C-alpha atoms as a PDB file:
ATOM      1  CA  MET A   1       3.363  20.219 -31.157  1.00  0.00           C
ATOM      2  CA  LYS A   2       2.677  17.291 -29.105  1.00  0.00           C
ATOM      3  CA  THR A   3       5.179  14.334 -28.225  1.00  0.00           C
ATOM      4  CA  PHE A   4       3.855  11.129 -27.861  1.00  0.00           C
ATOM      5  CA  ILE A   5       5.016   8.184 -25.343  1.00  0.00           C
ATOM      6  CA  TYR A   6       4.368   4.829 -26.916  1.00  0.00           C
ATOM      7  CA  ILE A   7       4.856   0.771 -26.312  1.00  0.00           C
ATOM      8  CA  LEU A   8       5.376  -1.788 -28.813  1.00  0.00           C
ATOM      9  CA  ILE A   9       3.494  -4.903 -27.873  1.00  0.00           C
ATOM     10  CA  ASP A  10       4.050  -8.326 -29.191  1.00  0.00           C
ATOM     11  CA  PRO A  11       0.988  -9.926 -30.534  1.00  0.00           C
ATOM     12  CA  ARG A  12       2.130 -13.583 -29.856  1.00  0.00           C
ATOM     13  CA  ASP A  13       2.078 -12.997 -25.862  1.00  0.00           C
ATOM     14  CA  ASN A  14       0.920  -9.114 -25.419  1.00  0.00           C
ATOM     15  CA  GLN A  15       4.015  -8.447 -23.627  1.00  0.00           C
ATOM     16  CA  VAL A  16       5.550  -4.771 -23.714  1.00  0.00           C
ATOM     17  CA  ARG A  17       8.732  -5.201 -25.600  1.00  0.00           C
ATOM     18  CA  TYR A  18       9.736  -1.497 -26.416  1.00  0.00           C
ATOM     19  CA  VAL A  19       9.115   2.127 -24.895  1.00  0.00           C
ATOM     20  CA  GLY A  20       9.951   5.245 -27.280  1.00  0.00           C
ATOM     21  CA  LYS A  21       8.781   8.928 -27.912  1.00  0.00           C
ATOM     22  CA  THR A  22       7.851  10.046 -31.134  1.00  0.00           C
ATOM     23  CA  LYS A  23       6.040  13.276 -32.652  1.00  0.00           C
ATOM     24  CA  ASN A  24       4.691  11.324 -35.812  1.00  0.00           C
ATOM     25  CA  LYS A  25       2.962   7.881 -34.846  1.00  0.00           C
ATOM     26  CA  ASN A  26       2.731   6.369 -38.196  1.00  0.00           C
ATOM     27  CA  ARG A  27       5.931   7.531 -39.611  1.00  0.00           C
ATOM     28  CA  ARG A  28       7.828   6.266 -36.285  1.00  0.00           C
ATOM     29  CA  TYR A  29       5.808   2.998 -36.630  1.00  0.00           C
ATOM     30  CA  TYR A  30       7.172   2.342 -39.824  1.00  0.00           C
ATOM     31  CA  GLN A  31      10.820   3.520 -39.163  1.00  0.00           C
ATOM     32  CA  HIS A  32      10.771   0.541 -36.886  1.00  0.00           C
ATOM     33  CA  MET A  33       9.444  -1.814 -39.229  1.00  0.00           C
ATOM     34  CA  ASN A  34      12.164  -0.566 -42.008  1.00  0.00           C
ATOM     35  CA  GLU A  35      14.893  -0.628 -39.309  1.00  0.00           C
ATOM     36  CA  ALA A  36      14.446  -3.973 -38.466  1.00  0.00           C
ATOM     37  CA  SER A  37      14.691  -5.230 -42.422  1.00  0.00           C
ATOM     38  CA  LYS A  38      17.556  -3.162 -43.417  1.00  0.00           C
ATOM     39  CA  GLY A  39      19.259  -1.945 -40.118  1.00  0.00           C
ATOM     40  CA  THR A  40      21.938  -3.138 -37.584  1.00  0.00           C
ATOM     41  CA  ARG A  41      21.375  -6.222 -35.702  1.00  0.00           C
ATOM     42  CA  THR A  42      20.016  -5.125 -32.472  1.00  0.00           C
ATOM     43  CA  HIS A  43      17.629  -6.938 -29.719  1.00  0.00           C
ATOM     44  CA  LYS A  44      14.668  -4.947 -30.945  1.00  0.00           C
ATOM     45  CA  ASN A  45      15.632  -5.313 -34.497  1.00  0.00           C
ATOM     46  CA  ASN A  46      15.812  -9.150 -34.287  1.00  0.00           C
ATOM     47  CA  TRP A  47      12.601  -9.046 -32.436  1.00  0.00           C
ATOM     48  CA  LEU A  48      10.878  -7.106 -34.813  1.00  0.00           C
ATOM     49  CA  LEU A  49      12.344  -9.339 -37.626  1.00  0.00           C
ATOM     50  CA  SER A  50      11.175 -12.125 -35.882  1.00  0.00           C
ATOM     51  CA  LEU A  51       7.527 -10.975 -36.056  1.00  0.00           C
ATOM     52  CA  LYS A  52       7.882  -9.756 -39.697  1.00  0.00           C
ATOM     53  CA  ASN A  53       9.035 -13.328 -40.545  1.00  0.00           C
ATOM     54  CA  ASN A  54       6.040 -14.794 -39.204  1.00  0.00           C
ATOM     55  CA  GLY A  55       3.607 -12.553 -40.954  1.00  0.00           C
ATOM     56  CA  LEU A  56       3.188 -10.588 -37.639  1.00  0.00           C
ATOM     57  CA  ARG A  57       3.541  -6.836 -36.441  1.00  0.00           C
ATOM     58  CA  PRO A  58       3.958  -5.194 -33.235  1.00  0.00           C
ATOM     59  CA  GLU A  59       1.070  -3.348 -31.801  1.00  0.00           C
ATOM     60  CA  MET A  60       1.927   0.358 -31.123  1.00  0.00           C
ATOM     61  CA  VAL A  61      -0.249   1.976 -28.078  1.00  0.00           C
ATOM     62  CA  ILE A  62      -0.019   5.559 -27.327  1.00  0.00           C
ATOM     63  CA  ILE A  63       0.542   5.615 -23.538  1.00  0.00           C
ATOM     64  CA  ASP A  64       0.899   9.593 -22.766  1.00  0.00           C
ATOM     65  CA  GLU A  65       1.485  12.541 -24.639  1.00  0.00           C
ATOM     66  CA  CYS A  66       2.894  15.770 -23.690  1.00  0.00           C
ATOM     67  CA  GLU A  67       4.706  19.382 -24.348  1.00  0.00           C
ATOM     68  CA  ASP A  68       8.210  19.301 -26.384  1.00  0.00           C
ATOM     69  CA  ASP A  69      10.044  19.968 -23.262  1.00  0.00           C
ATOM     70  CA  SER A  70       8.488  16.931 -21.099  1.00  0.00           C
ATOM     71  CA  TRP A  71       9.072  13.790 -23.147  1.00  0.00           C
ATOM     72  CA  ILE A  72      12.595  13.006 -21.773  1.00  0.00           C
ATOM     73  CA  PHE A  73      11.317  12.571 -18.206  1.00  0.00           C
ATOM     74  CA  LEU A  74       8.280  10.808 -19.197  1.00  0.00           C
ATOM     75  CA  GLU A  75       9.931   8.153 -21.450  1.00  0.00           C
ATOM     76  CA  LYS A  76      12.610   7.495 -18.912  1.00  0.00           C
ATOM     77  CA  TRP A  77       9.650   6.984 -16.231  1.00  0.00           C
ATOM     78  CA  TYR A  78       7.958   4.665 -18.284  1.00  0.00           C
ATOM     79  CA  LEU A  79      11.030   2.711 -19.135  1.00  0.00           C
ATOM     80  CA  GLU A  80      11.716   2.163 -15.460  1.00  0.00           C
ATOM     81  CA  VAL A  81       8.071   1.437 -14.844  1.00  0.00           C
ATOM     82  CA  PHE A  82       7.934  -1.427 -17.305  1.00  0.00           C
ATOM     83  CA  LYS A  83      11.320  -2.763 -16.356  1.00  0.00           C
ATOM     84  CA  ALA A  84       9.637  -2.731 -12.650  1.00  0.00           C
ATOM     85  CA  TRP A  85       6.525  -4.686 -13.861  1.00  0.00           C
ATOM     86  CA  GLY A  86       9.213  -7.276 -15.162  1.00  0.00           C
ATOM     87  CA  TYR A  87       9.191  -6.750 -19.051  1.00  0.00           C
ATOM     88  CA  ASN A  88      11.765  -8.020 -21.115  1.00  0.00           C
ATOM     89  CA  LEU A  89      12.293  -4.760 -23.113  1.00  0.00           C
ATOM     90  CA  THR A  90      14.412  -4.230 -26.027  1.00  0.00           C
ATOM     91  CA  ASN A  91      15.672  -0.513 -25.629  1.00  0.00           C
ATOM     92  CA  LEU A  92      18.856  -0.238 -25.693  1.00  0.00           C
ATOM     93  CA  THR A  93      19.338   3.030 -23.679  1.00  0.00           C
ATOM     94  CA  GLN A  94      17.665   4.242 -20.566  1.00  0.00           C
ATOM     95  CA  GLY A  95      15.811   6.751 -22.629  1.00  0.00           C
ATOM     96  CA  GLY A  96      15.842  10.343 -23.035  1.00  0.00           C
ATOM     97  CA  GLU A  97      18.497  10.410 -25.665  1.00  0.00           C
ATOM     98  CA  GLY A  98      20.788  12.614 -23.282  1.00  0.00           C
ATOM     99  CA  PRO A  99      23.166  11.653 -20.576  1.00  0.00           C
ATOM    100  CA  SER A 100      22.135   9.152 -18.175  1.00  0.00           C
ATOM    101  CA  GLY A 101      21.944  10.469 -14.489  1.00  0.00           C
ATOM    102  CA  TYR A 102      20.541  13.881 -15.647  1.00  0.00           C
ATOM    103  CA  LYS A 103      18.780  14.951 -12.731  1.00  0.00           C
ATOM    104  CA  HIS A 104      15.598  17.338 -13.223  1.00  0.00           C
ATOM    105  CA  THR A 105      15.333  20.792 -11.139  1.00  0.00           C
ATOM    106  CA  GLU A 106      12.383  20.886  -8.510  1.00  0.00           C
ATOM    107  CA  GLU A 107      10.991  23.617 -10.667  1.00  0.00           C
ATOM    108  CA  HIS A 108      10.987  21.259 -13.733  1.00  0.00           C
ATOM    109  CA  LYS A 109       9.371  18.300 -11.504  1.00  0.00           C
ATOM    110  CA  GLN A 110       6.814  20.378 -10.279  1.00  0.00           C
ATOM    111  CA  LYS A 111       5.886  21.504 -13.607  1.00  0.00           C
ATOM    112  CA  MET A 112       5.677  17.896 -14.798  1.00  0.00           C
ATOM    113  CA  SER A 113       3.517  17.044 -11.845  1.00  0.00           C
ATOM    114  CA  ASN A 114       1.219  19.838 -12.606  1.00  0.00           C
ATOM    115  CA  LEU A 115       0.919  18.911 -16.181  1.00  0.00           C
ATOM    116  CA  HIS A 116      -0.271  15.456 -15.630  1.00  0.00           C
ATOM    117  CA  LYS A 117      -2.742  16.213 -12.534  1.00  0.00           C
ATOM    118  CA  GLY A 118      -6.171  15.431 -13.687  1.00  0.00           C
ATOM    119  CA  LYS A 119      -5.175  13.585 -16.851  1.00  0.00           C
ATOM    120  CA  THR A 120      -6.765  10.281 -17.738  1.00  0.00           C
ATOM    121  CA  ILE A 121      -5.733   7.611 -20.085  1.00  0.00           C
ATOM    122  CA  SER A 122      -8.483   6.425 -22.423  1.00  0.00           C
ATOM    123  CA  LEU A 123     -10.342   3.486 -21.776  1.00  0.00           C
ATOM    124  CA  GLU A 124      -9.035   1.642 -24.615  1.00  0.00           C
ATOM    125  CA  THR A 125      -5.407   2.275 -23.612  1.00  0.00           C
ATOM    126  CA  ARG A 126      -6.390   1.295 -20.120  1.00  0.00           C
ATOM    127  CA  GLN A 127      -7.726  -1.972 -21.224  1.00  0.00           C
ATOM    128  CA  LYS A 128      -4.672  -2.707 -23.561  1.00  0.00           C
ATOM    129  CA  MET A 129      -2.360  -2.095 -20.700  1.00  0.00           C
ATOM    130  CA  SER A 130      -4.385  -4.285 -18.325  1.00  0.00           C
ATOM    131  CA  ILE A 131      -4.160  -7.233 -20.859  1.00  0.00           C
ATOM    132  CA  ALA A 132      -0.423  -6.928 -21.186  1.00  0.00           C
ATOM    133  CA  VAL A 133      -0.301  -7.076 -17.221  1.00  0.00           C
ATOM    134  CA  LYS A 134      -2.557  -9.839 -16.436  1.00  0.00           C
ATOM    135  CA  GLY A 135      -1.235 -12.765 -14.894  1.00  0.00           C
ATOM    136  CA  ARG A 136       2.107 -11.384 -14.271  1.00  0.00           C
ATOM    137  CA  LYS A 137       3.939 -12.383 -11.013  1.00  0.00           C
ATOM    138  CA  TYR A 138       5.701  -9.404  -8.972  1.00  0.00           C
ATOM    139  CA  SER A 139       8.532 -10.378  -6.712  1.00  0.00           C
ATOM    140  CA  ASP A 140       8.259  -9.214  -3.042  1.00  0.00           C
ATOM    141  CA  GLU A 141      10.470  -6.303  -3.881  1.00  0.00           C
ATOM    142  CA  GLN A 142       8.252  -5.072  -6.491  1.00  0.00           C
ATOM    143  CA  LYS A 143       5.586  -5.347  -4.292  1.00  0.00           C
ATOM    144  CA  LYS A 144       7.201  -3.296  -1.559  1.00  0.00           C
ATOM    145  CA  MET A 145       7.878  -0.628  -4.076  1.00  0.00           C
ATOM    146  CA  TYR A 146       4.364  -0.288  -5.463  1.00  0.00           C
ATOM    147  CA  SER A 147       3.085  -0.509  -1.906  1.00  0.00           C
ATOM    148  CA  GLU A 148       5.329   2.884  -1.082  1.00  0.00           C
ATOM    149  CA  VAL A 149       4.339   4.563  -4.066  1.00  0.00           C
ATOM    150  CA  ALA A 150       0.853   3.943  -3.446  1.00  0.00           C
ATOM    151  CA  LYS A 151       0.949   5.185   0.436  1.00  0.00           C
ATOM    152  CA  LYS A 152       2.850   8.308  -1.014  1.00  0.00           C
ATOM    153  CA  ARG A 153       0.176   9.139  -3.431  1.00  0.00           C
ATOM    154  CA  GLY A 154      -2.807   8.409  -1.360  1.00  0.00           C
ATOM    155  CA  ILE A 155      -6.392   7.541  -1.934  1.00  0.00           C
ATOM    156  CA  SER A 156      -9.024  10.023  -3.225  1.00  0.00           C
ATOM    157  CA  ALA A 157     -12.361  10.087  -1.431  1.00  0.00           C
ATOM    158  CA  GLU A 158     -14.101   9.407  -4.694  1.00  0.00           C
ATOM    159  CA  THR A 159     -12.029   6.012  -4.932  1.00  0.00           C
ATOM    160  CA  ARG A 160     -12.676   5.136  -1.204  1.00  0.00           C
ATOM    161  CA  GLN A 161     -16.280   5.796  -1.862  1.00  0.00           C
ATOM    162  CA  LYS A 162     -16.105   3.330  -4.897  1.00  0.00           C
ATOM    163  CA  MET A 163     -14.269   0.668  -2.740  1.00  0.00           C
ATOM    164  CA  HIS A 164     -16.730   0.901  -0.128  1.00  0.00           C
ATOM    165  CA  GLU A 165     -19.671   0.451  -2.542  1.00  0.00           C
ATOM    166  CA  THR A 166     -18.024  -2.591  -4.054  1.00  0.00           C
ATOM    167  CA  ARG A 167     -17.440  -4.383  -1.044  1.00  0.00           C
ATOM    168  CA  ARG A 168     -20.934  -3.591   0.292  1.00  0.00           C
ATOM    169  CA  LYS A 169     -22.384  -4.924  -2.950  1.00  0.00           C
ATOM    170  CA  ASN A 170     -20.364  -8.320  -2.796  1.00  0.00           C
ATOM    171  CA  ASN A 171     -20.980  -8.636   0.897  1.00  0.00           C
ATOM    172  CA  TYR A 172     -17.175  -8.429   1.859  1.00  0.00           C
ATOM    173  CA  SER A 173     -16.175  -8.615   5.282  1.00  0.00           C
ATOM    174  CA  HIS A 174     -12.384  -8.841   6.749  1.00  0.00           C
ATOM    175  CA  SER A 175     -11.415 -11.766   8.891  1.00  0.00           C
ATOM    176  CA  GLU A 176     -10.591 -11.153  12.331  1.00  0.00           C
ATOM    177  CA  GLU A 177      -6.931 -11.096  11.927  1.00  0.00           C
ATOM    178  CA  THR A 178      -7.522  -8.271   9.341  1.00  0.00           C
ATOM    179  CA  LYS A 179      -9.661  -6.344  11.788  1.00  0.00           C
ATOM    180  CA  GLN A 180      -7.306  -6.349  14.425  1.00  0.00           C
ATOM    181  CA  LYS A 181      -4.431  -5.294  12.128  1.00  0.00           C
ATOM    182  CA  ILE A 182      -6.743  -2.285  10.974  1.00  0.00           C
ATOM    183  CA  SER A 183      -7.530  -1.531  14.678  1.00  0.00           C
ATOM    184  CA  GLN A 184      -4.062  -1.658  15.640  1.00  0.00           C
ATOM    185  CA  ASN A 185      -2.907   0.795  12.641  1.00  0.00           C
ATOM    186  CA  ASN A 186      -5.790   2.956  13.487  1.00  0.00           C
ATOM    187  CA  GLY A 187      -4.433   3.265  16.936  1.00  0.00           C
ATOM    188  CA  LYS A 188      -1.035   4.316  15.743  1.00  0.00           C
ATOM    189  CA  ARG A 189      -2.125   6.924  13.537  1.00  0.00           C
ATOM    190  CA  LYS A 190      -4.345   8.696  16.187  1.00  0.00           C
ATOM    191  CA  LYS A 191      -1.210   8.716  18.411  1.00  0.00           C
ATOM    192  CA  ASN A 192       0.650  10.403  15.521  1.00  0.00           C
END
């Protein structure tokens, strides 16, 4: 049976406020709403109750799905990603409902990697995630982290072709300073 990783979005400002997992999307959504009314006062419950008192409800967006044994890694990973993007999450734990600091074996990491290769997120979900991050300012530390991740991942030939076509279509050209930096970097690569 599939496990879904989801986010709850505040309709007032389109900010992601919670990351979770579930096997039954509808049941989990209504559990959140019932917990807010009847449960203990937590950051998440207070947020949900404030929405409810204003006649609003959070939007639940499924951002990933996995097999039963993979959800712990994914929930923790998405929590870290959304925190790194600067979202004020209401989660009380680091995710995974297990001991924090758990390290996956290399075999399990490889299995997770293989599971997600070639997987795409639906256009609708990508648009919702895009709306949620529009206008967000990133610190220099965050920019550096994203840059490092992108360098490790690399750019596919298909993406390079799309970038090339977009530049050509928009008559884009680099400044002289940028051309010099590119030339210097290409020279370094040839030496290595």
